[in-house]
Amino acid sequence: MNLTLRQLTYFKALAQAGSFGRAADACRVSQPALSMQIKEMEGILGAPVVERQARRVVLTPFGRRILGHAERVLDEMHQLEEAARWREGLAGQLSIGVIPTIAPYLLPDLLARLRASDIALDVQVQEAKTTRLMADLMEGSLDAAILALPSGAQDVVERPLFEDRFLLAGSRTRIDALGPRAETLRPTEIGASQLLLLEDGHCLTDQALEVCGRGRGHAQINMGASSLATLSRLVSAGFGLTLMPELSLPDDGHDLALLRFAAPEPSRTIGLVRRASSPAGRWFDALAVAIAEAGQEVITRARTIAPGPTD
């Protein structure tokens, strides 16, 4: 009898979970079924791969060696499956991750385009912060992620798609208070105004602090909002200023006053990321084109809401 991929998968899950119960939950099988497969695996190998303790399992020295082999085999199998799945471009099921400061503004247009290109395409979307998306991408549960570049990760391929400029947003009273200097304003010249930003963990917060030349300990910085929608409501009500990406400009405005910075306008680069080990091909190119077109559509609408000097 030979080892099976199922046994290797269950063994990897057991090594990660540290208990038969949690491993069974992760694999969506019963605990006896998983335990039986591990016992059969040990019988084939002729030695135990785990120590069965009262509340947990621990890999034996032999088990640690086998785990390395198992992970390599499973990784190669995953790449083989991906190569077969993407051989003809976008097809079957596609799992995409999107950060929260992009997802609600880009997805309606993007999903409509993808559905129009292939009505049978099954698109699964996960919205999460960059750190979580990159972990899931490298683990294999996502095919690609849409986020602000650079991702800061290794062993990935990044495709820049479009630029998303930052505008200064606040109440009309606060924007008017900037006076004549508003025409040549740079982000570092906002002054002592309270700057409202998203809570820690959002890459947009780091980008905003960088372009404004402020540190996290600055007395006039409030980081606590969980969404751009919350931020826009707060600043339109007079509770400070914020940097608002073009991508997220509300159609109705919510009494939000917007000001474009002097050229060169600060911006973030929106891009598509995949694992370097994932097979390159028409699927990635086709997805990148669809995202770029959808993003440009949203940006074009945004520039009718807040046109620049040359728009």
Protein backbone atom coordinates (compact mmCIF):
# COMPACT_ATOMS: atom_id res chain seq x y z
CA MET A 1 0.00 0.00 0.00
CA ASN A 2 1.28 3.52 -0.88
CA LEU A 3 0.83 6.80 0.94
CA THR A 4 -2.08 8.90 -0.31
CA LEU A 5 -2.46 12.65 -0.74
CA ARG A 6 -5.31 12.52 1.74
CA GLN A 7 -3.01 11.07 4.40
CA LEU A 8 -0.36 13.71 3.73
CA THR A 9 -3.02 16.45 3.89
CA TYR A 10 -4.39 15.14 7.19
CA PHE A 11 -0.88 14.81 8.60
CA LYS A 12 0.01 18.39 7.67
CA ALA A 13 -3.23 19.63 9.26
CA LEU A 14 -2.48 17.61 12.41
CA ALA A 15 1.02 19.09 12.64
CA GLN A 16 -0.40 22.60 12.33
CA ALA A 17 -3.35 22.14 14.68
CA GLY A 18 -1.62 20.14 17.40
CA SER A 19 -4.69 18.01 18.11
CA PHE A 20 -6.82 15.46 16.29
CA GLY A 21 -10.01 17.37 17.01
CA ARG A 22 -8.85 20.70 15.57
CA ALA A 23 -7.20 18.97 12.60
CA ALA A 24 -10.43 17.11 11.84
CA ASP A 25 -12.39 20.38 11.98
CA ALA A 26 -9.92 22.02 9.62
CA CYS A 27 -10.19 19.12 7.18
CA ARG A 28 -13.99 18.89 7.64
CA VAL A 29 -13.93 15.21 8.51
CA SER A 30 -14.71 13.26 11.66
CA GLN A 31 -11.96 12.79 14.24
CA PRO A 32 -12.04 8.96 13.97
CA ALA A 33 -11.66 9.19 10.18
CA LEU A 34 -8.62 11.43 10.47
CA SER A 35 -7.11 9.31 13.24
CA MET A 36 -7.52 6.16 11.16
CA GLN A 37 -5.72 7.73 8.19
CA ILE A 38 -2.80 8.78 10.42
CA LYS A 39 -2.55 5.25 11.85
CA GLU A 40 -2.54 3.77 8.33
CA MET A 41 0.17 6.24 7.36
CA GLU A 42 2.30 5.19 10.33
CA GLY A 43 1.76 1.55 9.41
CA ILE A 44 3.02 2.16 5.87
CA LEU A 45 6.04 4.14 7.10
CA GLY A 46 6.80 1.63 9.86
CA ALA A 47 7.20 4.23 12.61
CA PRO A 48 5.02 6.71 14.56
CA VAL A 49 4.92 10.28 13.26
CA VAL A 50 3.25 11.79 16.35
CA GLU A 51 3.30 11.33 20.11
CA ARG A 52 -0.27 11.06 21.39
CA GLN A 53 -0.45 13.02 24.66
CA ALA A 54 -3.45 13.76 26.85
CA ARG A 55 -4.37 17.17 25.40
CA ARG A 56 -2.25 17.44 22.29
CA VAL A 57 -0.05 15.64 19.81
CA VAL A 58 3.64 16.31 19.25
CA LEU A 59 5.61 15.34 16.17
CA THR A 60 8.25 12.69 16.68
CA PRO A 61 11.73 13.37 15.24
CA PHE A 62 10.78 11.00 12.41
CA GLY A 63 7.49 12.87 11.99
CA ARG A 64 9.28 16.20 11.58
CA ARG A 65 11.32 14.72 8.72
CA ILE A 66 8.20 13.30 7.09
CA LEU A 67 6.39 16.65 7.46
CA GLY A 68 9.02 18.35 5.28
CA HIS A 69 8.52 15.74 2.55
CA ALA A 70 4.73 15.97 2.87
CA GLU A 71 4.72 19.75 2.49
CA ARG A 72 6.85 19.58 -0.66
CA VAL A 73 4.63 16.90 -2.21
CA LEU A 74 1.44 18.84 -1.41
CA ASP A 75 2.93 22.07 -2.76
CA GLU A 76 3.89 20.40 -6.03
CA MET A 77 0.42 18.88 -6.30
CA HIS A 78 -1.19 22.28 -5.71
CA GLN A 79 0.91 23.80 -8.50
CA LEU A 80 -0.07 20.96 -10.82
CA GLU A 81 -3.75 21.55 -10.10
CA GLU A 82 -3.35 25.29 -10.69
CA ALA A 83 -1.59 24.74 -14.00
CA ALA A 84 -4.47 22.54 -15.17
CA ARG A 85 -7.13 24.93 -13.88
CA TRP A 86 -5.72 28.01 -15.58
CA ARG A 87 -4.59 26.46 -18.86
CA GLU A 88 -7.23 28.38 -20.86
CA GLY A 89 -7.35 31.65 -18.95
CA LEU A 90 -10.07 32.66 -16.49
CA ALA A 91 -12.24 29.61 -15.90
CA GLY A 92 -13.80 27.57 -13.12
CA GLN A 93 -13.44 29.05 -9.63
CA LEU A 94 -11.38 32.15 -8.86
CA SER A 95 -10.56 33.25 -5.30
CA ILE A 96 -9.62 36.91 -4.97
CA GLY A 97 -8.64 38.90 -1.90
CA VAL A 98 -9.32 42.66 -1.71
CA ILE A 99 -8.40 45.19 0.98
CA PRO A 100 -11.31 47.11 2.62
CA THR A 101 -10.28 50.51 1.19
CA ILE A 102 -10.70 49.11 -2.33
CA ALA A 103 -13.35 46.38 -2.13
CA PRO A 104 -16.67 48.30 -1.88
CA TYR A 105 -15.68 50.79 -4.57
CA LEU A 106 -14.07 48.52 -7.16
CA LEU A 107 -15.91 45.20 -6.80
CA PRO A 108 -19.33 46.15 -8.30
CA ASP A 109 -17.73 47.16 -11.62
CA LEU A 110 -15.12 44.39 -11.54
CA LEU A 111 -17.55 41.55 -10.81
CA ALA A 112 -19.89 42.78 -13.52
CA ARG A 113 -17.03 42.68 -16.03
CA LEU A 114 -15.92 39.22 -14.97
CA ARG A 115 -19.46 37.88 -15.15
CA ALA A 116 -19.93 39.40 -18.61
CA SER A 117 -16.73 37.72 -19.85
CA ASP A 118 -17.80 34.25 -18.60
CA ILE A 119 -21.12 33.73 -16.87
CA ALA A 120 -19.91 30.31 -15.61
CA LEU A 121 -16.91 31.82 -13.79
CA ASP A 122 -17.31 31.27 -10.03
CA VAL A 123 -15.66 34.22 -8.25
CA GLN A 124 -15.08 33.98 -4.50
CA VAL A 125 -14.11 37.26 -2.79
CA GLN A 126 -12.46 37.76 0.59
CA GLU A 127 -12.20 41.24 2.08
CA ALA A 128 -9.43 41.67 4.65
CA LYS A 129 -6.42 43.79 5.55
CA THR A 130 -3.18 43.33 3.64
CA THR A 131 -1.45 41.16 6.27
CA ARG A 132 -4.29 38.62 6.32
CA LEU A 133 -4.63 38.57 2.53
CA MET A 134 -0.93 37.94 1.98
CA ALA A 135 -0.94 35.10 4.52
CA ASP A 136 -3.91 33.47 2.78
CA LEU A 137 -2.37 34.03 -0.64
CA MET A 138 0.89 32.32 0.33
CA GLU A 139 -1.03 29.50 2.05
CA GLY A 140 -2.92 28.87 -1.19
CA SER A 141 -6.50 29.72 -0.22
CA LEU A 142 -6.42 32.78 -2.51
CA ASP A 143 -5.39 32.86 -6.17
CA ALA A 144 -4.61 36.59 -6.22
CA ALA A 145 -5.04 39.76 -4.17
CA ILE A 146 -5.92 43.34 -5.06
CA LEU A 147 -4.15 45.83 -2.82
CA ALA A 148 -1.87 48.86 -2.63
CA LEU A 149 1.67 48.22 -3.85
CA PRO A 150 4.26 47.38 -2.82
CA SER A 151 2.89 44.50 -0.78
CA GLY A 152 6.14 44.06 1.16
CA ALA A 153 6.02 40.29 0.63
CA GLN A 154 8.61 37.99 -0.89
CA ASP A 155 8.08 35.27 -3.49
CA VAL A 156 5.22 37.14 -5.17
CA VAL A 157 4.60 38.73 -8.56
CA GLU A 158 3.14 42.25 -8.45
CA ARG A 159 1.34 43.91 -11.37
CA PRO A 160 0.71 47.69 -11.02
CA LEU A 161 -2.69 48.57 -12.52
CA PHE A 162 -3.68 52.18 -11.85
CA GLU A 163 -2.98 55.23 -9.68
CA ASP A 164 -5.45 56.31 -7.00
CA ARG A 165 -4.84 59.94 -6.01
CA PHE A 166 -5.41 61.33 -2.51
CA LEU A 167 -7.63 64.37 -1.90
CA LEU A 168 -8.03 66.43 1.25
CA ALA A 169 -11.55 66.00 2.64
CA GLY A 170 -13.42 67.85 5.36
CA SER A 171 -16.34 70.15 6.04
CA ARG A 172 -16.74 73.23 3.83
CA THR A 173 -15.85 75.42 6.82
CA ARG A 174 -12.55 73.62 7.44
CA ILE A 175 -11.57 73.59 3.77
CA ASP A 176 -12.45 77.29 3.33
CA ALA A 177 -10.35 78.09 6.42
CA LEU A 178 -7.23 77.12 4.41
CA GLY A 179 -7.69 80.37 2.48
CA PRO A 180 -5.49 81.31 -0.49
CA ARG A 181 -2.88 78.65 0.28
CA ALA A 182 -5.39 75.97 -0.75
CA GLU A 183 -4.38 76.48 -4.41
CA THR A 184 -0.79 75.35 -3.77
CA LEU A 185 -1.35 73.11 -0.75
CA ARG A 186 0.89 70.08 -0.20
CA PRO A 187 0.02 67.26 2.26
CA THR A 188 2.86 68.31 4.59
CA GLU A 189 1.34 71.80 4.85
CA ILE A 190 -2.06 70.89 6.27
CA GLY A 191 -1.08 72.56 9.54
CA ALA A 192 -2.40 71.92 13.02
CA SER A 193 -5.79 70.58 11.92
CA GLN A 194 -6.95 67.32 13.45
CA LEU A 195 -6.17 64.50 10.99
CA LEU A 196 -8.58 61.56 11.17
CA LEU A 197 -7.33 58.23 9.83
CA LEU A 198 -8.33 54.58 9.76
CA GLU A 199 -7.44 52.28 12.63
CA ASP A 200 -4.06 50.55 12.73
CA GLY A 201 -3.59 47.69 10.28
CA HIS A 202 -4.88 49.54 7.22
CA CYS A 203 -2.08 50.26 4.75
CA LEU A 204 -3.92 53.47 3.84
CA THR A 205 -3.14 54.83 7.31
CA ASP A 206 0.60 54.27 6.83
CA GLN A 207 0.45 55.89 3.40
CA ALA A 208 -1.44 58.91 4.73
CA LEU A 209 1.04 59.43 7.56
CA GLU A 210 3.94 59.18 5.11
CA VAL A 211 2.62 61.72 2.61
CA CYS A 212 1.66 64.11 5.41
CA GLY A 213 5.05 63.78 7.09
CA ARG A 214 3.55 62.90 10.46
CA GLY A 215 4.37 60.18 12.95
CA ARG A 216 1.91 58.04 14.87
CA GLY A 217 2.51 59.99 18.06
CA HIS A 218 1.52 63.35 16.56
CA ALA A 219 -0.87 65.21 18.85
CA GLN A 220 -3.26 66.03 16.02
CA ILE A 221 -3.79 62.49 14.72
CA ASN A 222 -6.79 60.35 15.57
CA MET A 223 -6.63 56.74 14.34
CA GLY A 224 -9.78 54.81 15.12
CA ALA A 225 -12.28 54.71 12.26
CA SER A 226 -12.83 51.25 10.82
CA SER A 227 -13.94 52.32 7.34
CA LEU A 228 -13.66 55.12 4.81
CA ALA A 229 -17.42 55.55 4.98
CA THR A 230 -17.14 56.38 8.68
CA LEU A 231 -14.27 58.76 8.03
CA SER A 232 -16.16 60.67 5.34
CA ARG A 233 -19.18 61.11 7.64
CA LEU A 234 -17.04 62.34 10.53
CA VAL A 235 -15.03 64.89 8.57
CA SER A 236 -18.09 66.17 6.66
CA ALA A 237 -19.61 66.84 10.11
CA GLY A 238 -16.60 68.98 11.03
CA PHE A 239 -14.55 66.58 13.15
CA GLY A 240 -11.26 67.22 11.36
CA LEU A 241 -9.69 66.47 7.98
CA THR A 242 -8.66 63.27 6.25
CA LEU A 243 -7.03 62.02 3.08
CA MET A 244 -9.61 60.42 0.80
CA PRO A 245 -8.65 58.21 -2.17
CA GLU A 246 -10.36 59.06 -5.45
CA LEU A 247 -11.60 55.49 -5.62
CA SER A 248 -13.79 56.01 -2.56
CA LEU A 249 -15.37 59.40 -3.31
CA PRO A 250 -19.10 59.21 -2.49
CA ASP A 251 -21.46 60.06 -5.36
CA ASP A 252 -23.75 62.13 -3.14
CA GLY A 253 -20.93 63.90 -1.29
CA HIS A 254 -22.59 63.81 2.19
CA ASP A 255 -21.76 67.57 2.42
CA LEU A 256 -18.11 66.57 2.04
CA ALA A 257 -15.79 69.29 0.76
CA LEU A 258 -12.87 68.05 -1.34
CA LEU A 259 -9.62 69.73 -2.26
CA ARG A 260 -7.00 68.49 -4.70
CA PHE A 261 -3.39 68.97 -3.69
CA ALA A 262 -0.95 70.84 -5.89
CA ALA A 263 0.92 68.77 -8.46
CA PRO A 264 2.40 66.25 -8.17
CA GLU A 265 -0.67 64.90 -6.40
CA PRO A 266 0.03 62.22 -3.76
CA SER A 267 -1.34 58.81 -4.69
CA ARG A 268 -1.21 55.09 -4.06
CA THR A 269 -0.61 52.39 -6.66
CA ILE A 270 -3.34 49.76 -6.91
CA GLY A 271 -2.10 46.39 -8.14
CA LEU A 272 -2.65 42.67 -8.45
CA VAL A 273 -0.47 40.14 -6.61
CA ARG A 274 -0.03 36.39 -7.06
CA ARG A 275 2.41 33.82 -5.73
CA ALA A 276 5.61 33.55 -7.74
CA SER A 277 5.11 29.77 -7.75
CA SER A 278 1.61 30.13 -9.24
CA PRO A 279 1.66 29.45 -12.99
CA ALA A 280 1.77 32.62 -15.08
CA GLY A 281 -0.65 32.71 -17.95
CA ARG A 282 -3.70 34.25 -19.52
CA TRP A 283 -5.76 34.06 -16.33
CA PHE A 284 -3.53 36.58 -14.53
CA ASP A 285 -3.32 38.86 -17.57
CA ALA A 286 -7.08 38.72 -18.12
CA LEU A 287 -7.80 39.47 -14.47
CA ALA A 288 -5.33 42.37 -14.45
CA VAL A 289 -6.98 43.91 -17.53
CA ALA A 290 -10.46 43.60 -15.99
CA ILE A 291 -9.31 45.23 -12.73
CA ALA A 292 -7.50 48.05 -14.53
CA GLU A 293 -10.56 48.81 -16.68
CA ALA A 294 -12.94 48.72 -13.71
CA GLY A 295 -10.61 50.91 -11.66
CA GLN A 296 -10.26 53.47 -14.42
CA GLU A 297 -14.05 53.59 -14.76
CA VAL A 298 -14.40 54.44 -11.06
CA ILE A 299 -11.55 56.97 -11.18
CA THR A 300 -13.11 58.70 -14.20
CA ARG A 301 -16.39 59.10 -12.31
CA ALA A 302 -14.49 60.43 -9.29
CA ARG A 303 -12.88 63.14 -11.39
CA THR A 304 -16.30 64.44 -12.36
CA ILE A 305 -17.08 64.80 -8.65
CA ALA A 306 -13.76 66.47 -7.79
CA PRO A 307 -12.13 67.66 -11.03
CA GLY A 308 -8.54 68.83 -11.09
CA PRO A 309 -7.22 71.95 -12.82
CA THR A 310 -6.74 70.11 -16.11
CA ASP A 311 -9.84 67.83 -15.95
